[in-house]
């Protein structure tokens, strides 16, 4: 999903609606950050396919917007 696709999807909801993400036994507020990501890094079924470049042996990634939980 791109930022433009996300913006288009969000247009279907009221502007004052809260945005939350699932947590462990509840929901968390959202935090936005950017990270350099290596796509299709992991083949293991129990990991997500993409990984932050700092956790790989490489040094080239693609800058991505990460939607995460507020700590």
C-alpha atoms as a PDB file:
ATOM      1  CA  UNK A   1       0.000   0.000   0.000  1.00  0.00           C
ATOM      2  CA  UNK A   2       1.258   3.484  -0.790  1.00  0.00           C
ATOM      3  CA  UNK A   3       0.561   6.693   1.123  1.00  0.00           C
ATOM      4  CA  UNK A   4      -1.791   7.788  -1.680  1.00  0.00           C
ATOM      5  CA  UNK A   5      -3.715   4.502  -1.457  1.00  0.00           C
ATOM      6  CA  UNK A   6      -3.982   4.886   2.325  1.00  0.00           C
ATOM      7  CA  UNK A   7      -5.255   8.453   1.977  1.00  0.00           C
ATOM      8  CA  UNK A   8      -7.914   7.309  -0.503  1.00  0.00           C
ATOM      9  CA  UNK A   9      -9.024   4.487   1.830  1.00  0.00           C
ATOM     10  CA  UNK A  10      -9.228   6.863   4.804  1.00  0.00           C
ATOM     11  CA  UNK A  11     -11.491   9.253   2.890  1.00  0.00           C
ATOM     12  CA  UNK A  12     -14.352   6.770   3.488  1.00  0.00           C
ATOM     13  CA  UNK A  13     -14.258   7.437   7.257  1.00  0.00           C
ATOM     14  CA  UNK A  14     -15.132  10.508   9.325  1.00  0.00           C
ATOM     15  CA  UNK A  15     -12.167  12.839   9.841  1.00  0.00           C
ATOM     16  CA  UNK A  16     -12.616  12.817  13.623  1.00  0.00           C
ATOM     17  CA  UNK A  17     -12.733   9.001  13.955  1.00  0.00           C
ATOM     18  CA  UNK A  18      -9.942   7.570  16.168  1.00  0.00           C
ATOM     19  CA  UNK A  19      -7.374   5.308  14.504  1.00  0.00           C
ATOM     20  CA  UNK A  20      -6.103   2.377  16.593  1.00  0.00           C
ATOM     21  CA  UNK A  21      -4.098  -0.785  16.009  1.00  0.00           C
ATOM     22  CA  UNK A  22      -4.429  -4.156  17.759  1.00  0.00           C
ATOM     23  CA  UNK A  23      -2.249  -4.752  20.800  1.00  0.00           C
ATOM     24  CA  UNK A  24      -1.883  -7.656  23.184  1.00  0.00           C
ATOM     25  CA  UNK A  25      -5.403  -7.944  24.572  1.00  0.00           C
ATOM     26  CA  UNK A  26      -6.624  -4.508  23.550  1.00  0.00           C
ATOM     27  CA  UNK A  27      -5.904  -1.650  21.172  1.00  0.00           C
ATOM     28  CA  UNK A  28      -3.134   0.963  20.976  1.00  0.00           C
ATOM     29  CA  UNK A  29      -2.865   4.501  19.664  1.00  0.00           C
ATOM     30  CA  UNK A  30      -0.987   4.920  16.382  1.00  0.00           C
ATOM     31  CA  UNK A  31       2.518   6.273  15.858  1.00  0.00           C
ATOM     32  CA  UNK A  32       4.000   7.003  12.410  1.00  0.00           C
ATOM     33  CA  UNK A  33       7.696   6.674  11.626  1.00  0.00           C
ATOM     34  CA  UNK A  34       9.917   5.972   8.625  1.00  0.00           C
ATOM     35  CA  UNK A  35      12.420   3.139   8.216  1.00  0.00           C
ATOM     36  CA  UNK A  36      14.677   1.812   5.460  1.00  0.00           C
ATOM     37  CA  UNK A  37      13.147  -1.567   4.518  1.00  0.00           C
ATOM     38  CA  UNK A  38      14.453  -4.562   2.555  1.00  0.00           C
ATOM     39  CA  UNK A  39      11.541  -6.193   0.714  1.00  0.00           C
ATOM     40  CA  UNK A  40      11.049  -9.979   0.509  1.00  0.00           C
ATOM     41  CA  UNK A  41      13.858 -10.617   3.000  1.00  0.00           C
ATOM     42  CA  UNK A  42      12.405 -13.454   5.079  1.00  0.00           C
ATOM     43  CA  UNK A  43      11.043 -16.710   3.688  1.00  0.00           C
ATOM     44  CA  UNK A  44       9.992 -18.102   7.102  1.00  0.00           C
ATOM     45  CA  UNK A  45       6.192 -18.296   7.429  1.00  0.00           C
ATOM     46  CA  UNK A  46       6.248 -16.935  11.006  1.00  0.00           C
ATOM     47  CA  UNK A  47       8.039 -13.672  10.077  1.00  0.00           C
ATOM     48  CA  UNK A  48       6.752 -10.852   7.947  1.00  0.00           C
ATOM     49  CA  UNK A  49       8.405 -10.908   4.518  1.00  0.00           C
ATOM     50  CA  UNK A  50      10.027  -7.456   4.835  1.00  0.00           C
ATOM     51  CA  UNK A  51      12.774  -6.388   7.280  1.00  0.00           C
ATOM     52  CA  UNK A  52      14.386  -3.178   8.506  1.00  0.00           C
ATOM     53  CA  UNK A  53      17.741  -2.768   6.757  1.00  0.00           C
ATOM     54  CA  UNK A  54      19.565  -2.432  10.105  1.00  0.00           C
ATOM     55  CA  UNK A  55      18.651  -6.059  10.906  1.00  0.00           C
ATOM     56  CA  UNK A  56      20.132  -7.365   7.648  1.00  0.00           C
ATOM     57  CA  UNK A  57      23.665  -7.651   6.276  1.00  0.00           C
ATOM     58  CA  UNK A  58      22.805  -5.116   3.571  1.00  0.00           C
ATOM     59  CA  UNK A  59      22.936  -1.364   3.608  1.00  0.00           C
ATOM     60  CA  UNK A  60      20.360  -0.520   0.941  1.00  0.00           C
ATOM     61  CA  UNK A  61      16.657  -0.328   1.673  1.00  0.00           C
ATOM     62  CA  UNK A  62      13.582   1.565   0.555  1.00  0.00           C
ATOM     63  CA  UNK A  63      12.282   4.351   2.803  1.00  0.00           C
ATOM     64  CA  UNK A  64       8.802   3.344   4.003  1.00  0.00           C
ATOM     65  CA  UNK A  65       6.159   4.745   6.313  1.00  0.00           C
ATOM     66  CA  UNK A  66       5.648   2.441   9.301  1.00  0.00           C
ATOM     67  CA  UNK A  67       2.355   2.513  11.232  1.00  0.00           C
ATOM     68  CA  UNK A  68       3.122   1.246  14.717  1.00  0.00           C
ATOM     69  CA  UNK A  69       1.858   1.561  18.272  1.00  0.00           C
ATOM     70  CA  UNK A  70       2.435   4.511  20.552  1.00  0.00           C
ATOM     71  CA  UNK A  71       4.693   3.461  23.409  1.00  0.00           C
END
